[in-house]
PDB file of N, CA and C in Angstrom:
ATOM      1  N   UNK A   1       0.946  -0.787   0.034  1.00  0.00           N
ATOM      2  CA  UNK A   1      -0.131   0.122   0.164  1.00  0.00           C
ATOM      3  C   UNK A   1       1.015   1.473   0.082  1.00  0.00           C
ATOM      4  N   UNK A   2       0.983   2.121  -1.251  1.00  0.00           N
ATOM      5  CA  UNK A   2       1.577   2.786  -1.260  1.00  0.00           C
ATOM      6  C   UNK A   2       0.888   4.468  -1.921  1.00  0.00           C
ATOM      7  N   UNK A   3      -0.259   4.305  -1.683  1.00  0.00           N
ATOM      8  CA  UNK A   3      -0.832   5.709  -2.876  1.00  0.00           C
ATOM      9  C   UNK A   3      -2.153   6.034  -1.588  1.00  0.00           C
ATOM     10  N   UNK A   4      -2.993   6.990  -1.954  1.00  0.00           N
ATOM     11  CA  UNK A   4      -4.138   7.433  -1.110  1.00  0.00           C
ATOM     12  C   UNK A   4      -4.537   7.705  -2.604  1.00  0.00           C
ATOM     13  N   UNK A   5      -6.323   7.970  -2.646  1.00  0.00           N
ATOM     14  CA  UNK A   5      -6.918   8.234  -3.335  1.00  0.00           C
ATOM     15  C   UNK A   5      -7.919   8.850  -3.080  1.00  0.00           C
ATOM     16  N   UNK A   6      -8.256  10.400  -3.729  1.00  0.00           N
ATOM     17  CA  UNK A   6      -9.718  11.140  -2.840  1.00  0.00           C
ATOM     18  C   UNK A   6     -10.824  10.766  -4.336  1.00  0.00           C
ATOM     19  N   UNK A   7     -12.012   9.959  -3.520  1.00  0.00           N
ATOM     20  CA  UNK A   7     -13.562   9.777  -4.103  1.00  0.00           C
ATOM     21  C   UNK A   7     -13.735  11.350  -5.393  1.00  0.00           C
ATOM     22  N   UNK A   8     -13.714  11.336  -6.496  1.00  0.00           N
ATOM     23  CA  UNK A   8     -14.522  12.258  -7.279  1.00  0.00           C
ATOM     24  C   UNK A   8     -16.034  12.211  -7.427  1.00  0.00           C
ATOM     25  N   UNK A   9     -16.797  10.919  -7.278  1.00  0.00           N
ATOM     26  CA  UNK A   9     -17.832  10.649  -7.177  1.00  0.00           C
ATOM     27  C   UNK A   9     -18.385   9.899  -6.580  1.00  0.00           C
ATOM     28  N   UNK A  10     -19.622  10.136  -6.364  1.00  0.00           N
ATOM     29  CA  UNK A  10     -20.431   8.675  -5.567  1.00  0.00           C
ATOM     30  C   UNK A  10     -20.843   9.748  -4.454  1.00  0.00           C
ATOM     31  N   UNK A  11     -21.674   8.664  -3.661  1.00  0.00           N
ATOM     32  CA  UNK A  11     -22.118   9.892  -2.256  1.00  0.00           C
ATOM     33  C   UNK A  11     -21.148   9.764  -1.307  1.00  0.00           C
ATOM     34  N   UNK A  12     -19.282   9.102  -1.756  1.00  0.00           N
ATOM     35  CA  UNK A  12     -18.666   9.182  -0.884  1.00  0.00           C
ATOM     36  C   UNK A  12     -17.578  10.258  -1.596  1.00  0.00           C
ATOM     37  N   UNK A  13     -18.211  11.454  -2.248  1.00  0.00           N
ATOM     38  CA  UNK A  13     -17.320  12.317  -2.977  1.00  0.00           C
ATOM     39  C   UNK A  13     -16.064  13.394  -1.787  1.00  0.00           C
ATOM     40  N   UNK A  14     -15.146  13.338  -2.433  1.00  0.00           N
ATOM     41  CA  UNK A  14     -13.934  14.041  -1.150  1.00  0.00           C
ATOM     42  C   UNK A  14     -13.696  13.060   0.002  1.00  0.00           C
ATOM     43  N   UNK A  15     -14.067  12.028  -0.319  1.00  0.00           N
ATOM     44  CA  UNK A  15     -13.640  10.947   0.913  1.00  0.00           C
ATOM     45  C   UNK A  15     -12.222  10.404   0.691  1.00  0.00           C
ATOM     46  N   UNK A  16     -10.779  10.515   1.610  1.00  0.00           N
ATOM     47  CA  UNK A  16      -9.802  10.047   1.057  1.00  0.00           C
ATOM     48  C   UNK A  16      -9.738   8.565   1.274  1.00  0.00           C
ATOM     49  N   UNK A  17      -9.307   7.546   0.973  1.00  0.00           N
ATOM     50  CA  UNK A  17      -8.803   6.591   1.347  1.00  0.00           C
ATOM     51  C   UNK A  17      -7.751   5.704   0.535  1.00  0.00           C
ATOM     52  N   UNK A  18      -7.343   4.357   1.235  1.00  0.00           N
ATOM     53  CA  UNK A  18      -5.715   4.222   0.990  1.00  0.00           C
ATOM     54  C   UNK A  18      -6.234   3.283  -0.424  1.00  0.00           C
ATOM     55  N   UNK A  19      -5.311   2.833  -1.241  1.00  0.00           N
ATOM     56  CA  UNK A  19      -5.757   2.266  -2.315  1.00  0.00           C
ATOM     57  C   UNK A  19      -4.512   0.914  -1.959  1.00  0.00           C
ATOM     58  N   UNK A  20      -5.858  -0.165  -1.847  1.00  0.00           N
ATOM     59  CA  UNK A  20      -5.191  -1.352  -1.262  1.00  0.00           C
ATOM     60  C   UNK A  20      -5.154  -2.175  -2.464  1.00  0.00           C
ATOM     61  N   UNK A  21      -5.476  -2.656  -3.271  1.00  0.00           N
ATOM     62  CA  UNK A  21      -4.873  -3.017  -4.783  1.00  0.00           C
ATOM     63  C   UNK A  21      -5.423  -2.594  -5.707  1.00  0.00           C
ATOM     64  N   UNK A  22      -5.119  -2.947  -7.019  1.00  0.00           N
ATOM     65  CA  UNK A  22      -5.691  -1.984  -8.009  1.00  0.00           C
ATOM     66  C   UNK A  22      -5.683  -3.019  -9.766  1.00  0.00           C
ATOM     67  N   UNK A  23      -6.665  -2.806 -10.244  1.00  0.00           N
ATOM     68  CA  UNK A  23      -6.277  -3.388 -11.757  1.00  0.00           C
ATOM     69  C   UNK A  23      -6.394  -2.642 -12.976  1.00  0.00           C
ATOM     70  N   UNK A  24      -6.551  -3.422 -13.883  1.00  0.00           N
ATOM     71  CA  UNK A  24      -6.458  -1.858 -15.135  1.00  0.00           C
ATOM     72  C   UNK A  24      -7.977  -1.120 -15.085  1.00  0.00           C
ATOM     73  N   UNK A  25      -9.208  -1.930 -14.746  1.00  0.00           N
ATOM     74  CA  UNK A  25     -10.536  -1.022 -14.771  1.00  0.00           C
ATOM     75  C   UNK A  25     -10.664  -0.082 -13.301  1.00  0.00           C
ATOM     76  N   UNK A  26     -10.723  -0.787 -12.322  1.00  0.00           N
ATOM     77  CA  UNK A  26     -10.572  -0.588 -10.656  1.00  0.00           C
ATOM     78  C   UNK A  26      -9.617  -0.350  -9.499  1.00  0.00           C
ATOM     79  N   UNK A  27     -10.040  -0.096  -8.681  1.00  0.00           N
ATOM     80  CA  UNK A  27      -9.354   0.289  -7.822  1.00  0.00           C
ATOM     81  C   UNK A  27     -10.204  -0.486  -6.423  1.00  0.00           C
ATOM     82  N   UNK A  28      -9.636  -1.049  -5.643  1.00  0.00           N
ATOM     83  CA  UNK A  28     -10.112  -1.197  -4.147  1.00  0.00           C
ATOM     84  C   UNK A  28      -9.821  -0.602  -3.223  1.00  0.00           C
ATOM     85  N   UNK A  29     -10.148   0.378  -2.495  1.00  0.00           N
ATOM     86  CA  UNK A  29     -10.206   1.320  -1.373  1.00  0.00           C
ATOM     87  C   UNK A  29     -10.681   0.878   0.090  1.00  0.00           C
ATOM     88  N   UNK A  30     -10.155   0.862   0.532  1.00  0.00           N
ATOM     89  CA  UNK A  30     -10.107   1.151   2.175  1.00  0.00           C
ATOM     90  C   UNK A  30      -9.501   2.598   3.043  1.00  0.00           C
ATOM     91  N   UNK A  31     -10.691   2.499   4.099  1.00  0.00           N
ATOM     92  CA  UNK A  31     -10.673   3.705   5.042  1.00  0.00           C
ATOM     93  C   UNK A  31     -10.704   2.884   6.587  1.00  0.00           C
ATOM     94  N   UNK A  32     -10.677   1.713   6.696  1.00  0.00           N
ATOM     95  CA  UNK A  32     -10.284   1.095   8.274  1.00  0.00           C
ATOM     96  C   UNK A  32     -11.332   0.855   9.128  1.00  0.00           C
ATOM     97  N   UNK A  33     -12.982   1.747   8.369  1.00  0.00           N
ATOM     98  CA  UNK A  33     -13.751   2.168   9.858  1.00  0.00           C
ATOM     99  C   UNK A  33     -15.122   1.045   8.488  1.00  0.00           C
ATOM    100  N   UNK A  34     -15.942   2.143   7.535  1.00  0.00           N
ATOM    101  CA  UNK A  34     -16.585   1.482   6.958  1.00  0.00           C
ATOM    102  C   UNK A  34     -16.358   0.715   5.748  1.00  0.00           C
ATOM    103  N   UNK A  35     -15.171   0.905   5.251  1.00  0.00           N
ATOM    104  CA  UNK A  35     -14.370  -0.110   4.808  1.00  0.00           C
ATOM    105  C   UNK A  35     -13.183  -0.526   5.117  1.00  0.00           C
ATOM    106  N   UNK A  36     -13.279  -2.011   5.256  1.00  0.00           N
ATOM    107  CA  UNK A  36     -11.846  -2.234   5.870  1.00  0.00           C
ATOM    108  C   UNK A  36     -11.024  -3.237   5.071  1.00  0.00           C
ATOM    109  N   UNK A  37      -9.911  -3.823   5.468  1.00  0.00           N
ATOM    110  CA  UNK A  37      -8.831  -4.173   4.785  1.00  0.00           C
ATOM    111  C   UNK A  37      -9.106  -5.661   4.148  1.00  0.00           C
ATOM    112  N   UNK A  38      -9.868  -5.993   4.656  1.00  0.00           N
ATOM    113  CA  UNK A  38     -10.534  -7.484   4.390  1.00  0.00           C
ATOM    114  C   UNK A  38     -11.548  -7.230   3.681  1.00  0.00           C
ATOM    115  N   UNK A  39     -12.861  -6.330   3.372  1.00  0.00           N
ATOM    116  CA  UNK A  39     -13.426  -5.851   2.009  1.00  0.00           C
ATOM    117  C   UNK A  39     -13.678  -4.432   1.809  1.00  0.00           C
ATOM    118  N   UNK A  40     -12.619  -4.303   1.192  1.00  0.00           N
ATOM    119  CA  UNK A  40     -12.225  -3.118   0.287  1.00  0.00           C
ATOM    120  C   UNK A  40     -13.593  -2.678  -0.555  1.00  0.00           C
ATOM    121  N   UNK A  41     -13.866  -1.332  -0.774  1.00  0.00           N
ATOM    122  CA  UNK A  41     -14.105  -0.874  -1.802  1.00  0.00           C
ATOM    123  C   UNK A  41     -14.236  -0.768  -3.155  1.00  0.00           C
ATOM    124  N   UNK A  42     -14.644  -1.372  -4.670  1.00  0.00           N
ATOM    125  CA  UNK A  42     -14.493  -1.334  -5.836  1.00  0.00           C
ATOM    126  C   UNK A  42     -15.024  -0.103  -6.265  1.00  0.00           C
ATOM    127  N   UNK A  43     -14.146   0.571  -6.875  1.00  0.00           N
ATOM    128  CA  UNK A  43     -14.509   1.711  -7.944  1.00  0.00           C
ATOM    129  C   UNK A  43     -13.497   2.148  -9.208  1.00  0.00           C
ATOM    130  N   UNK A  44     -14.376   2.735  -9.777  1.00  0.00           N
ATOM    131  CA  UNK A  44     -13.554   2.790 -11.436  1.00  0.00           C
ATOM    132  C   UNK A  44     -12.935   3.600 -10.747  1.00  0.00           C
ATOM    133  N   UNK A  45     -11.577   3.466 -11.731  1.00  0.00           N
ATOM    134  CA  UNK A  45     -10.725   3.898 -11.325  1.00  0.00           C
ATOM    135  C   UNK A  45     -10.519   5.595 -12.469  1.00  0.00           C
ATOM    136  N   UNK A  46     -11.728   5.961 -13.030  1.00  0.00           N
ATOM    137  CA  UNK A  46     -12.093   7.384 -13.367  1.00  0.00           C
ATOM    138  C   UNK A  46     -12.908   8.052 -12.740  1.00  0.00           C
ATOM    139  N   UNK A  47     -13.418   7.411 -11.380  1.00  0.00           N
ATOM    140  CA  UNK A  47     -14.239   8.302 -10.251  1.00  0.00           C
ATOM    141  C   UNK A  47     -13.405   8.025  -9.394  1.00  0.00           C
ATOM    142  N   UNK A  48     -12.245   7.972  -9.584  1.00  0.00           N
ATOM    143  CA  UNK A  48     -10.730   8.788  -8.363  1.00  0.00           C
ATOM    144  C   UNK A  48      -9.698   9.762  -8.775  1.00  0.00           C
ATOM    145  N   UNK A  49      -9.277  10.400  -7.704  1.00  0.00           N
ATOM    146  CA  UNK A  49      -8.032  11.149  -8.134  1.00  0.00           C
ATOM    147  C   UNK A  49      -7.010  10.809  -7.319  1.00  0.00           C
ATOM    148  N   UNK A  50      -5.845   9.996  -8.190  1.00  0.00           N
ATOM    149  CA  UNK A  50      -4.757   9.440  -7.123  1.00  0.00           C
ATOM    150  C   UNK A  50      -3.622  10.149  -6.892  1.00  0.00           C
ATOM    151  N   UNK A  51      -3.802  10.066  -4.928  1.00  0.00           N
ATOM    152  CA  UNK A  51      -2.548  10.915  -4.569  1.00  0.00           C
ATOM    153  C   UNK A  51      -1.703  10.124  -4.860  1.00  0.00           C
ATOM    154  N   UNK A  52      -0.475   9.855  -5.519  1.00  0.00           N
ATOM    155  CA  UNK A  52       0.675   9.910  -5.386  1.00  0.00           C
ATOM    156  C   UNK A  52       1.987  10.053  -4.660  1.00  0.00           C
ATOM    157  N   UNK A  53       2.051  11.864  -4.798  1.00  0.00           N
ATOM    158  CA  UNK A  53       3.317  12.526  -4.411  1.00  0.00           C
ATOM    159  C   UNK A  53       2.866  13.107  -2.976  1.00  0.00           C
ATOM    160  N   UNK A  54       3.190  11.977  -2.045  1.00  0.00           N
ATOM    161  CA  UNK A  54       3.239  12.079  -0.607  1.00  0.00           C
ATOM    162  C   UNK A  54       4.565  12.346   0.199  1.00  0.00           C
ATOM    163  N   UNK A  55       4.128  12.952   0.891  1.00  0.00           N
ATOM    164  CA  UNK A  55       5.881  13.072   1.881  1.00  0.00           C
ATOM    165  C   UNK A  55       6.151  11.578   2.476  1.00  0.00           C
ATOM    166  N   UNK A  56       7.498  11.278   2.192  1.00  0.00           N
ATOM    167  CA  UNK A  56       8.219  10.308   3.201  1.00  0.00           C
ATOM    168  C   UNK A  56       7.348   9.585   4.372  1.00  0.00           C
ATOM    169  N   UNK A  57       7.093  10.872   5.391  1.00  0.00           N
ATOM    170  CA  UNK A  57       6.610  10.344   6.397  1.00  0.00           C
ATOM    171  C   UNK A  57       5.344   9.493   6.386  1.00  0.00           C
ATOM    172  N   UNK A  58       4.763   9.896   4.916  1.00  0.00           N
ATOM    173  CA  UNK A  58       3.368   9.561   4.914  1.00  0.00           C
ATOM    174  C   UNK A  58       3.608   8.063   4.374  1.00  0.00           C
ATOM    175  N   UNK A  59       4.615   7.909   3.366  1.00  0.00           N
ATOM    176  CA  UNK A  59       4.380   6.747   2.563  1.00  0.00           C
ATOM    177  C   UNK A  59       4.782   5.538   3.568  1.00  0.00           C
ATOM    178  N   UNK A  60       5.827   5.953   4.423  1.00  0.00           N
ATOM    179  CA  UNK A  60       6.644   4.890   5.247  1.00  0.00           C
ATOM    180  C   UNK A  60       5.206   5.039   6.588  1.00  0.00           C
ATOM    181  N   UNK A  61       4.703   5.501   6.682  1.00  0.00           N
ATOM    182  CA  UNK A  61       2.902   4.883   7.326  1.00  0.00           C
ATOM    183  C   UNK A  61       2.544   3.963   7.052  1.00  0.00           C
ATOM    184  N   UNK A  62       2.100   4.550   5.441  1.00  0.00           N
ATOM    185  CA  UNK A  62       1.088   3.949   4.626  1.00  0.00           C
ATOM    186  C   UNK A  62       1.797   2.552   4.610  1.00  0.00           C
ATOM    187  N   UNK A  63       3.009   2.325   4.368  1.00  0.00           N
ATOM    188  CA  UNK A  63       3.636   0.824   3.997  1.00  0.00           C
ATOM    189  C   UNK A  63       3.597  -0.207   5.337  1.00  0.00           C
ATOM    190  N   UNK A  64       3.456   0.513   6.849  1.00  0.00           N
ATOM    191  CA  UNK A  64       3.612  -0.223   7.738  1.00  0.00           C
ATOM    192  C   UNK A  64       2.100  -0.797   8.010  1.00  0.00           C
ATOM    193  N   UNK A  65       1.058  -0.406   7.427  1.00  0.00           N
ATOM    194  CA  UNK A  65      -0.377  -0.545   7.639  1.00  0.00           C
ATOM    195  C   UNK A  65      -0.455  -2.432   7.795  1.00  0.00           C
ATOM    196  N   UNK A  66      -0.660  -2.613   9.076  1.00  0.00           N
ATOM    197  CA  UNK A  66      -0.927  -3.953   8.898  1.00  0.00           C
ATOM    198  C   UNK A  66      -2.526  -4.411   9.276  1.00  0.00           C
ATOM    199  N   UNK A  67      -2.897  -3.029   9.803  1.00  0.00           N
ATOM    200  CA  UNK A  67      -4.526  -3.412  10.399  1.00  0.00           C
ATOM    201  C   UNK A  67      -4.894  -2.345   9.927  1.00  0.00           C
ATOM    202  N   UNK A  68      -6.711  -2.869  10.355  1.00  0.00           N
ATOM    203  CA  UNK A  68      -7.655  -1.193  10.084  1.00  0.00           C
ATOM    204  C   UNK A  68      -7.769  -0.640  11.719  1.00  0.00           C
ATOM    205  N   UNK A  69      -6.604  -0.264  12.016  1.00  0.00           N
ATOM    206  CA  UNK A  69      -6.846   0.804  13.016  1.00  0.00           C
ATOM    207  C   UNK A  69      -5.643   1.505  12.905  1.00  0.00           C
ATOM    208  N   UNK A  70      -4.397   0.959  12.308  1.00  0.00           N
ATOM    209  CA  UNK A  70      -3.563   1.451  11.341  1.00  0.00           C
ATOM    210  C   UNK A  70      -3.311   2.170  10.235  1.00  0.00           C
ATOM    211  N   UNK A  71      -4.227   1.761   9.853  1.00  0.00           N
ATOM    212  CA  UNK A  71      -5.179   2.467   8.530  1.00  0.00           C
ATOM    213  C   UNK A  71      -6.089   3.489   8.910  1.00  0.00           C
ATOM    214  N   UNK A  72      -6.437   3.558  10.183  1.00  0.00           N
ATOM    215  CA  UNK A  72      -7.435   4.952  10.446  1.00  0.00           C
ATOM    216  C   UNK A  72      -6.316   6.312  10.983  1.00  0.00           C
ATOM    217  N   UNK A  73      -5.335   5.381  12.063  1.00  0.00           N
ATOM    218  CA  UNK A  73      -4.181   6.287  12.261  1.00  0.00           C
ATOM    219  C   UNK A  73      -3.477   7.486  11.100  1.00  0.00           C
ATOM    220  N   UNK A  74      -3.253   6.460  10.011  1.00  0.00           N
ATOM    221  CA  UNK A  74      -2.388   7.149   8.929  1.00  0.00           C
ATOM    222  C   UNK A  74      -3.611   8.140   8.577  1.00  0.00           C
ATOM    223  N   UNK A  75      -4.484   7.514   8.252  1.00  0.00           N
ATOM    224  CA  UNK A  75      -5.578   8.107   7.668  1.00  0.00           C
ATOM    225  C   UNK A  75      -5.670  10.041   8.831  1.00  0.00           C
ATOM    226  N   UNK A  76      -6.107   9.248  10.077  1.00  0.00           N
ATOM    227  CA  UNK A  76      -5.924  11.120  10.813  1.00  0.00           C
ATOM    228  C   UNK A  76      -4.837  12.039  10.367  1.00  0.00           C
ATOM    229  N   UNK A  77      -3.962  11.049  10.216  1.00  0.00           N
ATOM    230  CA  UNK A  77      -2.966  11.640  10.818  1.00  0.00           C
ATOM    231  C   UNK A  77      -2.302  12.939   8.629  1.00  0.00           C
ATOM    232  N   UNK A  78      -2.868  12.354   8.407  1.00  0.00           N
ATOM    233  CA  UNK A  78      -3.356  13.070   7.138  1.00  0.00           C
ATOM    234  C   UNK A  78      -3.711  13.948   6.995  1.00  0.00           C
ATOM    235  N   UNK A  79      -5.017  13.675   7.231  1.00  0.00           N
ATOM    236  CA  UNK A  79      -6.640  14.775   7.149  1.00  0.00           C
ATOM    237  C   UNK A  79      -5.923  15.791   8.247  1.00  0.00           C
ATOM    238  N   UNK A  80      -5.187  15.897   9.430  1.00  0.00           N
ATOM    239  CA  UNK A  80      -4.777  16.424  10.008  1.00  0.00           C
ATOM    240  C   UNK A  80      -3.753  17.462   9.823  1.00  0.00           C
ATOM    241  N   UNK A  81      -2.947  16.662   8.387  1.00  0.00           N
ATOM    242  CA  UNK A  81      -1.956  18.105   7.835  1.00  0.00           C
ATOM    243  C   UNK A  81      -2.221  18.268   6.852  1.00  0.00           C
ATOM    244  N   UNK A  82      -3.077  17.930   6.017  1.00  0.00           N
ATOM    245  CA  UNK A  82      -3.642  18.459   4.698  1.00  0.00           C
ATOM    246  C   UNK A  82      -5.231  19.070   5.224  1.00  0.00           C
ATOM    247  N   UNK A  83      -4.822  20.517   4.366  1.00  0.00           N
ATOM    248  CA  UNK A  83      -5.853  21.214   4.536  1.00  0.00           C
ATOM    249  C   UNK A  83      -7.292  21.091   3.671  1.00  0.00           C
ATOM    250  N   UNK A  84      -8.220  20.591   4.170  1.00  0.00           N
ATOM    251  CA  UNK A  84      -9.046  21.105   3.087  1.00  0.00           C
ATOM    252  C   UNK A  84      -9.684  19.067   3.097  1.00  0.00           C
ATOM    253  N   UNK A  85      -8.890  18.235   3.708  1.00  0.00           N
ATOM    254  CA  UNK A  85      -8.830  17.086   3.344  1.00  0.00           C
ATOM    255  C   UNK A  85      -9.939  16.667   4.102  1.00  0.00           C
ATOM    256  N   UNK A  86     -11.228  15.723   3.434  1.00  0.00           N
ATOM    257  CA  UNK A  86     -12.037  15.319   4.263  1.00  0.00           C
ATOM    258  C   UNK A  86     -11.810  13.656   5.014  1.00  0.00           C
ATOM    259  N   UNK A  87     -12.728  13.476   6.050  1.00  0.00           N
ATOM    260  CA  UNK A  87     -12.599  12.583   6.207  1.00  0.00           C
ATOM    261  C   UNK A  87     -14.135  11.304   5.752  1.00  0.00           C
TER     262      UNK A  87
END
């Protein structure tokens, strides 16, 4: 896990997720709360904006995620540091 994605469409618009998996058409997203690591949300690639340029500290935190509680912590840290990011 080394990317975050922001939803651009749907009822979860502007919600930030971690990218758990991806294929050529879809991405699989988790936030640790409503969408857990073992039950990620499938979303069309066109409906998300990938956040690939993360500061090194966030990339390291994302790489160390082993559980949903770890993921919730990483997303909280991201939301507190980035103005305008919704939870």
